[in-house]
Amino acid sequence: MARKVAVVGTGQTRHGKRQDVSYPEMIREAVVAALEDAGLGWEHIDAVVCGSMPPPMEGTNAPHLWWADAMGAGGKPLLRVATCGTTGISIAHAAYYHVASGLFDVVLAVGAEKQYEGESQGTMTTVGEPFFQRQFVAGAPGVFAYQCNEYAHRYHLDEERVRAAAAEIAVRNHVDALDNPFAHLRQRITVEDVLRSRVLAYPIRLLDCCPASDGACAVIFAAGEVAPRITRTPAWVAGVGYAGEEHWVGDSDKVWWQSARQAALQAYRMAGITDPLEQLDVAELYNPFSFQELIFYELFGFCGPGEGCRLVEEGVVRRGGKLPCDPSGGVLCTNPIGATGLIRVAEAAMQVTGKAGAHQVEGARTALAHAIGGTQQINGVMILTSLD
């Protein structure tokens, strides 16, 4: 039987255009912050799991070796993970299993990206199959624009209603980011601003879209018998789920998205969650585009198929609503891709331990963290709780 595992420390950098530090220096900021949060020293870490986007985006073939000293990984087992957008949550899962298996007691997970120094869009444009798929992909906005259009058509939803709900999601995330000192985009916008911003790939507009960010995040996982000795407020990992599907975008249903649905159900079963809207207190969804939140509300059982707009219109997903989503400002306001999924885990842990500061959701005890990746074919979920 797997050991119990808890998050005992988190650390983030300020995200944005970080030309003030080198890549390793930026990573060290996050690691030092996590160690300080946990009250641990470098000597307490048994192993390190790290990751970022594929090497073309990093400008070096083995970036984990470049960062090793910054992470305190010298002489310790070191694993690099790269699963595109899901990299951050893949790191979290790998660190969790390192501990749950009994292999190590305390594991440091580190995710990072310096998109202002890499070649993000050029790399992502090439991920599609070269003869048929690539000419239609046009990077992430093109891929997800297909999904947004298919969603509205599948359920015969009024286009203006969907666009208005998506714009409200974008506004909510930007407003929430004002209370997050780590967020990249911290600006107040209106629904009209979103709807007037230029089209990137219809129906996605500029303010429906996440930024390209530099940043790093570190999370420390510890075994159940060790965690209470480190902190009085551990965030217990109650459930994990991970699923993938076909690489070809057209070979799977991206509206009733099976890998997302299966990852959530797997995590729910492990955590004993049968009614997510009632049993979850906060959700950190991976929302690089505003429209995607609507789909994830449905896939994760917050509402029925085609009902995502209603949750926005009724304020269910706002801070102060029944199930606040992305109170940190989400991916829409911070996106250092290799760290983004791990940031969702860190933010979920901060919420259930009462450490989220100005964007704390009052009374949060159980939180969902999520990320998507690959060529839209991988989803990962982690459930964290303060309830032992």
Protein backbone atom coordinates (compact mmCIF):
# COMPACT_ATOMS: atom_id res chain seq x y z
CA MET A 1 0.00 0.00 0.00
CA ALA A 2 1.30 3.45 -0.93
CA ARG A 3 2.46 5.75 1.84
CA LYS A 4 0.61 8.94 2.62
CA VAL A 5 2.25 12.01 1.08
CA ALA A 6 1.92 15.72 1.85
CA VAL A 7 3.11 19.01 0.45
CA VAL A 8 5.14 20.67 3.22
CA GLY A 9 6.54 23.72 1.44
CA THR A 10 6.01 25.83 -1.67
CA GLY A 11 7.94 28.63 -3.34
CA GLN A 12 7.43 30.78 -6.40
CA THR A 13 9.32 33.52 -8.15
CA ARG A 14 7.79 36.73 -9.37
CA HIS A 15 6.64 35.80 -12.87
CA GLY A 16 7.00 37.92 -15.99
CA LYS A 17 9.93 39.08 -18.09
CA ARG A 18 12.79 38.14 -15.76
CA GLN A 19 15.81 39.69 -17.46
CA ASP A 20 17.18 40.58 -14.03
CA VAL A 21 18.30 36.97 -13.37
CA SER A 22 19.81 34.04 -15.23
CA TYR A 23 17.85 30.81 -15.59
CA PRO A 24 19.60 29.06 -12.67
CA GLU A 25 19.32 32.19 -10.50
CA MET A 26 15.58 32.34 -11.12
CA ILE A 27 15.20 28.67 -10.18
CA ARG A 28 17.20 29.20 -7.00
CA GLU A 29 14.73 31.91 -5.95
CA ALA A 30 11.86 29.42 -6.00
CA VAL A 31 13.84 26.63 -4.29
CA VAL A 32 15.06 28.88 -1.49
CA ALA A 33 11.49 30.14 -0.95
CA ALA A 34 10.17 26.56 -0.70
CA LEU A 35 12.91 25.53 1.74
CA GLU A 36 12.20 28.57 3.89
CA ASP A 37 8.46 27.86 3.81
CA ALA A 38 9.12 24.31 5.03
CA GLY A 39 11.88 25.30 7.46
CA LEU A 40 14.25 22.83 5.81
CA GLY A 41 17.84 22.95 4.63
CA TRP A 42 19.35 21.59 1.43
CA GLU A 43 20.59 18.58 3.40
CA HIS A 44 17.02 17.45 4.15
CA ILE A 45 16.17 16.86 0.49
CA ASP A 46 16.59 13.23 -0.61
CA ALA A 47 15.97 13.64 -4.35
CA VAL A 48 15.00 16.25 -6.94
CA VAL A 49 12.46 16.07 -9.77
CA CYS A 50 12.56 18.97 -12.22
CA GLY A 51 11.25 19.91 -15.63
CA SER A 52 10.59 22.43 -18.36
CA MET A 53 9.44 22.41 -21.95
CA PRO A 54 11.38 20.40 -24.60
CA PRO A 55 15.02 21.43 -25.27
CA PRO A 56 14.28 23.60 -28.36
CA MET A 57 12.46 26.01 -26.05
CA GLU A 58 15.31 26.01 -23.54
CA GLY A 59 18.21 26.58 -25.93
CA THR A 60 20.18 23.74 -24.33
CA ASN A 61 19.90 19.97 -24.57
CA ALA A 62 20.02 19.03 -20.89
CA PRO A 63 18.85 22.05 -18.89
CA HIS A 64 18.53 20.06 -15.66
CA LEU A 65 22.31 19.70 -15.58
CA TRP A 66 22.64 23.48 -16.01
CA TRP A 67 20.30 24.03 -13.05
CA ALA A 68 21.63 21.26 -10.80
CA ASP A 69 23.63 23.50 -8.46
CA ALA A 70 20.77 26.01 -8.22
CA MET A 71 18.47 23.21 -7.05
CA GLY A 72 20.96 21.75 -4.59
CA ALA A 73 20.90 18.52 -6.60
CA GLY A 74 24.62 17.77 -6.44
CA GLY A 75 25.19 14.16 -5.38
CA LYS A 76 21.44 13.43 -5.25
CA PRO A 77 19.12 11.49 -7.56
CA LEU A 78 17.87 13.90 -10.22
CA LEU A 79 15.05 13.27 -12.70
CA ARG A 80 13.99 15.58 -15.55
CA VAL A 81 10.40 15.51 -16.86
CA ALA A 82 9.11 17.16 -20.06
CA THR A 83 5.49 16.63 -21.15
CA CYS A 84 4.83 20.07 -22.68
CA GLY A 85 1.96 21.89 -20.94
CA THR A 86 1.49 19.13 -18.37
CA THR A 87 5.16 19.24 -17.36
CA GLY A 88 4.45 20.95 -14.03
CA ILE A 89 1.83 18.48 -12.87
CA SER A 90 3.87 15.58 -14.27
CA ILE A 91 6.70 16.77 -12.01
CA ALA A 92 4.28 16.85 -9.07
CA HIS A 93 3.07 13.32 -9.83
CA ALA A 94 6.62 12.00 -10.21
CA ALA A 95 7.65 13.57 -6.90
CA TYR A 96 4.52 12.17 -5.24
CA TYR A 97 5.27 8.63 -6.45
CA HIS A 98 8.93 8.96 -5.44
CA VAL A 99 7.67 9.39 -1.87
CA ALA A 100 4.54 7.19 -1.94
CA SER A 101 6.62 4.26 -3.19
CA GLY A 102 8.88 4.42 -0.15
CA LEU A 103 11.93 5.24 -2.25
CA PHE A 104 12.50 8.64 -0.59
CA ASP A 105 11.12 10.57 2.38
CA VAL A 106 11.50 14.17 1.17
CA VAL A 107 11.52 15.15 -2.53
CA LEU A 108 11.90 18.57 -4.10
CA ALA A 109 9.86 19.26 -7.27
CA VAL A 110 10.98 22.18 -9.46
CA GLY A 111 9.38 23.53 -12.64
CA ALA A 112 10.70 26.47 -14.64
CA GLU A 113 10.58 28.32 -17.94
CA LYS A 114 12.26 31.35 -19.44
CA GLN A 115 10.07 31.96 -22.46
CA TYR A 116 11.60 35.37 -23.19
CA GLU A 117 14.91 33.61 -23.87
CA GLY A 118 13.52 30.55 -25.68
CA GLU A 119 11.54 29.96 -28.86
CA SER A 120 8.07 29.13 -27.58
CA GLN A 121 5.70 29.74 -30.47
CA GLY A 122 8.10 28.46 -33.09
CA THR A 123 8.57 25.22 -31.16
CA MET A 124 4.87 24.70 -30.52
CA THR A 125 4.02 25.32 -34.16
CA THR A 126 6.16 22.31 -35.10
CA VAL A 127 4.59 19.79 -32.71
CA GLY A 128 1.89 18.80 -35.20
CA GLU A 129 2.43 15.96 -37.68
CA PRO A 130 4.27 17.69 -40.57
CA PHE A 131 2.36 16.62 -43.71
CA PHE A 132 -1.30 17.03 -42.79
CA GLN A 133 -1.76 18.47 -39.31
CA ARG A 134 0.93 21.11 -38.92
CA GLN A 135 -0.41 23.54 -41.51
CA PHE A 136 -3.66 23.77 -39.57
CA VAL A 137 -2.21 23.95 -36.05
CA ALA A 138 -0.52 27.38 -36.03
CA GLY A 139 0.66 26.91 -32.46
CA ALA A 140 -1.43 26.68 -29.31
CA PRO A 141 -4.08 29.33 -30.22
CA GLY A 142 -4.94 27.48 -33.41
CA VAL A 143 -5.31 24.11 -31.68
CA PHE A 144 -7.52 25.45 -28.92
CA ALA A 145 -9.61 27.61 -31.27
CA TYR A 146 -10.84 24.32 -32.81
CA GLN A 147 -11.88 23.16 -29.38
CA CYS A 148 -13.71 26.39 -28.54
CA ASN A 149 -15.71 26.36 -31.78
CA GLU A 150 -16.54 22.67 -31.51
CA TYR A 151 -17.78 23.20 -27.94
CA ALA A 152 -20.31 25.88 -28.92
CA HIS A 153 -21.52 23.88 -31.93
CA ARG A 154 -21.78 20.57 -30.06
CA TYR A 155 -24.31 21.92 -27.58
CA HIS A 156 -25.99 24.42 -29.95
CA LEU A 157 -25.02 27.27 -27.64
CA ASP A 158 -25.66 30.87 -28.55
CA GLU A 159 -22.32 32.21 -29.77
CA GLU A 160 -22.74 35.59 -28.10
CA ARG A 161 -23.52 33.92 -24.78
CA VAL A 162 -20.40 31.76 -24.94
CA ARG A 163 -18.22 34.72 -25.92
CA ALA A 164 -19.65 36.81 -23.06
CA ALA A 165 -19.05 34.00 -20.53
CA ALA A 166 -15.49 33.53 -21.77
CA ALA A 167 -14.87 37.27 -21.54
CA GLU A 168 -16.19 37.28 -17.97
CA ILE A 169 -13.78 34.45 -17.13
CA ALA A 170 -10.90 36.50 -18.53
CA VAL A 171 -11.96 39.53 -16.48
CA ARG A 172 -12.32 37.47 -13.30
CA ASN A 173 -8.86 35.96 -13.66
CA HIS A 174 -7.26 39.35 -14.28
CA VAL A 175 -9.03 40.88 -11.27
CA ASP A 176 -8.00 37.96 -9.04
CA ALA A 177 -4.39 38.28 -10.24
CA LEU A 178 -4.28 41.78 -8.74
CA ASP A 179 -4.19 40.05 -5.32
CA ASN A 180 -1.42 37.64 -6.33
CA PRO A 181 2.07 39.15 -5.93
CA PHE A 182 3.59 36.43 -8.15
CA ALA A 183 1.28 36.96 -11.15
CA HIS A 184 2.63 38.15 -14.50
CA LEU A 185 -0.41 40.08 -15.76
CA ARG A 186 -1.80 42.32 -13.04
CA GLN A 187 -4.20 44.71 -14.73
CA ARG A 188 -7.88 45.52 -14.42
CA ILE A 189 -9.86 44.87 -17.59
CA THR A 190 -13.54 44.83 -18.58
CA VAL A 191 -15.70 42.51 -20.66
CA GLU A 192 -15.75 45.20 -23.35
CA ASP A 193 -11.93 45.26 -23.36
CA VAL A 194 -11.87 41.52 -23.99
CA LEU A 195 -14.47 41.59 -26.76
CA ARG A 196 -12.71 44.50 -28.50
CA SER A 197 -9.21 42.97 -28.34
CA ARG A 198 -7.82 41.63 -31.60
CA VAL A 199 -8.58 38.13 -32.81
CA LEU A 200 -5.69 35.62 -32.62
CA ALA A 201 -7.53 32.53 -33.90
CA TYR A 202 -11.30 32.86 -33.93
CA PRO A 203 -12.96 32.98 -31.41
CA ILE A 204 -9.86 33.50 -29.25
CA ARG A 205 -8.92 37.13 -28.76
CA LEU A 206 -5.79 38.61 -27.25
CA LEU A 207 -7.32 39.05 -23.77
CA ASP A 208 -8.72 35.50 -23.88
CA CYS A 209 -5.13 34.26 -24.10
CA CYS A 210 -2.40 33.57 -21.52
CA PRO A 211 0.96 35.40 -21.63
CA ALA A 212 4.41 33.97 -22.29
CA SER A 213 6.11 34.14 -18.89
CA ASP A 214 9.46 33.58 -17.22
CA GLY A 215 9.17 31.98 -13.81
CA ALA A 216 9.86 29.06 -11.51
CA CYS A 217 7.99 27.12 -8.84
CA ALA A 218 9.21 24.64 -6.22
CA VAL A 219 7.13 22.25 -4.11
CA ILE A 220 8.42 19.92 -1.39
CA PHE A 221 6.71 16.56 -0.89
CA ALA A 222 7.22 14.51 2.29
CA ALA A 223 6.15 11.12 3.58
CA GLY A 224 3.17 10.94 5.91
CA GLU A 225 5.20 10.04 8.97
CA VAL A 226 7.70 12.83 8.26
CA ALA A 227 5.37 15.68 7.25
CA PRO A 228 3.96 16.49 10.72
CA ARG A 229 7.51 16.91 12.03
CA ILE A 230 8.19 19.50 9.31
CA THR A 231 5.00 21.57 9.44
CA ARG A 232 1.83 21.90 11.47
CA THR A 233 -0.13 22.56 8.26
CA PRO A 234 0.62 19.85 5.68
CA ALA A 235 -1.42 19.71 2.48
CA TRP A 236 -2.17 16.01 2.05
CA VAL A 237 -2.27 14.51 -1.42
CA ALA A 238 -5.70 12.88 -1.41
CA GLY A 239 -5.89 11.85 -5.06
CA VAL A 240 -3.96 11.79 -8.32
CA GLY A 241 -5.09 11.06 -11.86
CA TYR A 242 -3.29 11.12 -15.21
CA ALA A 243 -4.47 10.09 -18.67
CA GLY A 244 -3.49 10.44 -22.30
CA GLU A 245 -5.04 9.78 -25.69
CA GLU A 246 -4.33 9.98 -29.43
CA HIS A 247 -1.60 12.35 -30.64
CA TRP A 248 -3.57 13.41 -33.71
CA VAL A 249 -5.87 16.28 -32.75
CA GLY A 250 -8.69 14.98 -34.95
CA ASP A 251 -8.62 11.46 -33.51
CA SER A 252 -10.21 12.30 -30.16
CA ASP A 253 -13.15 14.26 -28.82
CA LYS A 254 -11.87 17.51 -27.35
CA VAL A 255 -15.28 18.64 -26.05
CA TRP A 256 -16.11 15.55 -24.00
CA TRP A 257 -12.38 15.17 -23.54
CA GLN A 258 -11.68 11.62 -22.37
CA SER A 259 -8.18 12.15 -20.95
CA ALA A 260 -9.41 15.08 -18.84
CA ARG A 261 -12.49 13.20 -17.72
CA GLN A 262 -10.57 10.03 -16.86
CA ALA A 263 -7.81 11.89 -15.00
CA ALA A 264 -10.43 13.64 -12.85
CA LEU A 265 -12.41 10.46 -12.17
CA GLN A 266 -9.24 8.61 -11.18
CA ALA A 267 -8.29 11.37 -8.73
CA TYR A 268 -11.87 11.57 -7.40
CA ARG A 269 -12.02 7.83 -6.74
CA MET A 270 -8.74 7.95 -4.84
CA ALA A 271 -9.87 10.99 -2.83
CA GLY A 272 -13.38 9.65 -2.18
CA ILE A 273 -15.04 12.53 -4.03
CA THR A 274 -18.48 11.76 -5.45
CA ASP A 275 -19.90 15.28 -5.72
CA PRO A 276 -17.14 17.68 -6.79
CA LEU A 277 -19.26 20.83 -6.58
CA GLU A 278 -20.08 20.04 -2.94
CA GLN A 279 -16.81 18.46 -1.81
CA LEU A 280 -14.24 20.76 -3.46
CA ASP A 281 -13.64 24.21 -1.99
CA VAL A 282 -11.41 25.63 -4.72
CA ALA A 283 -10.10 24.55 -8.14
CA GLU A 284 -6.93 25.64 -9.90
CA LEU A 285 -7.77 24.76 -13.50
CA TYR A 286 -5.28 24.94 -16.35
CA ASN A 287 -6.85 27.74 -18.39
CA PRO A 288 -4.45 29.11 -21.05
CA PHE A 289 -7.55 30.27 -22.94
CA SER A 290 -10.70 31.58 -21.30
CA PHE A 291 -13.06 29.32 -23.27
CA GLN A 292 -11.42 26.20 -21.88
CA GLU A 293 -12.63 26.86 -18.36
CA LEU A 294 -16.21 26.29 -19.56
CA ILE A 295 -15.27 22.85 -20.85
CA PHE A 296 -13.40 21.85 -17.69
CA TYR A 297 -16.34 22.83 -15.46
CA GLU A 298 -18.31 20.16 -17.29
CA LEU A 299 -15.61 17.50 -17.60
CA PHE A 300 -14.82 17.71 -13.89
CA GLY A 301 -18.45 17.38 -12.86
CA PHE A 302 -19.08 20.90 -11.59
CA CYS A 303 -22.14 21.00 -13.88
CA GLY A 304 -23.71 19.04 -16.73
CA PRO A 305 -22.62 19.06 -20.40
CA GLY A 306 -23.28 22.41 -22.07
CA GLU A 307 -23.97 24.16 -18.74
CA GLY A 308 -20.60 25.88 -18.18
CA CYS A 309 -21.92 29.34 -19.06
CA ARG A 310 -24.49 29.06 -16.27
CA LEU A 311 -21.78 28.67 -13.60
CA VAL A 312 -20.20 31.90 -14.81
CA GLU A 313 -23.50 33.78 -15.04
CA GLU A 314 -24.57 32.67 -11.55
CA GLY A 315 -21.21 33.53 -9.96
CA VAL A 316 -20.58 29.95 -8.82
CA VAL A 317 -16.92 30.04 -9.86
CA ARG A 318 -16.07 33.49 -8.51
CA ARG A 319 -14.23 34.08 -5.24
CA GLY A 320 -17.08 34.06 -2.76
CA GLY A 321 -19.03 31.63 -4.95
CA LYS A 322 -19.72 27.97 -4.26
CA LEU A 323 -16.57 26.75 -6.04
CA PRO A 324 -13.99 29.49 -6.76
CA CYS A 325 -11.84 28.67 -9.77
CA ASP A 326 -8.32 30.03 -10.28
CA PRO A 327 -8.33 32.63 -7.47
CA SER A 328 -4.61 33.07 -8.24
CA GLY A 329 -5.41 34.52 -11.66
CA GLY A 330 -4.68 31.18 -13.26
CA VAL A 331 -2.73 30.39 -16.39
CA LEU A 332 -4.53 33.29 -18.06
CA CYS A 333 -2.35 35.65 -16.03
CA THR A 334 0.82 33.57 -15.46
CA ASN A 335 2.28 30.97 -17.83
CA PRO A 336 5.92 29.86 -17.45
CA ILE A 337 4.89 26.58 -19.11
CA GLY A 338 7.34 24.20 -17.44
CA ALA A 339 6.24 25.56 -14.06
CA THR A 340 2.56 26.25 -14.77
CA GLY A 341 1.09 22.91 -13.70
CA LEU A 342 3.28 22.88 -10.59
CA ILE A 343 2.05 26.41 -9.80
CA ARG A 344 -1.49 25.01 -9.83
CA VAL A 345 -0.39 22.39 -7.25
CA ALA A 346 1.42 25.02 -5.17
CA GLU A 347 -1.60 27.33 -5.24
CA ALA A 348 -3.93 24.49 -4.25
CA ALA A 349 -1.63 23.62 -1.36
CA MET A 350 -1.45 27.26 -0.29
CA GLN A 351 -5.25 27.49 -0.31
CA VAL A 352 -5.87 24.43 1.89
CA THR A 353 -3.18 25.49 4.37
CA GLY A 354 -4.39 29.08 4.58
CA LYS A 355 -1.20 30.55 3.07
CA ALA A 356 -2.62 32.16 -0.07
CA GLY A 357 -2.58 35.68 1.32
CA ALA A 358 -4.83 38.26 -0.33
CA HIS A 359 -6.35 35.70 -2.73
CA GLN A 360 -7.13 33.17 0.01
CA VAL A 361 -10.51 31.45 -0.30
CA GLU A 362 -12.05 31.51 3.15
CA GLY A 363 -12.52 28.06 4.66
CA ALA A 364 -10.78 26.17 1.85
CA ARG A 365 -10.00 22.62 2.92
CA THR A 366 -9.95 20.60 -0.31
CA ALA A 367 -8.60 21.80 -3.66
CA LEU A 368 -8.16 20.49 -7.19
CA ALA A 369 -5.08 21.21 -9.31
CA HIS A 370 -5.02 20.44 -13.02
CA ALA A 371 -2.90 20.73 -16.17
CA ILE A 372 -3.10 19.79 -19.85
CA GLY A 373 -0.27 19.11 -22.27
CA GLY A 374 1.24 17.33 -25.22
CA THR A 375 -0.59 18.04 -28.46
CA GLN A 376 -3.79 18.46 -26.51
CA GLN A 377 -3.71 14.79 -25.48
CA ILE A 378 -2.55 14.62 -21.84
CA ASN A 379 -4.35 15.68 -18.66
CA GLY A 380 -3.26 15.46 -15.02
CA VAL A 381 -5.15 16.13 -11.79
CA MET A 382 -4.09 16.27 -8.14
CA ILE A 383 -6.40 16.70 -5.14
CA LEU A 384 -4.96 18.28 -1.99
CA THR A 385 -6.61 18.59 1.40
CA SER A 386 -5.87 19.83 4.90
CA LEU A 387 -8.05 17.04 6.29
CA ASP A 388 -5.92 14.20 7.66
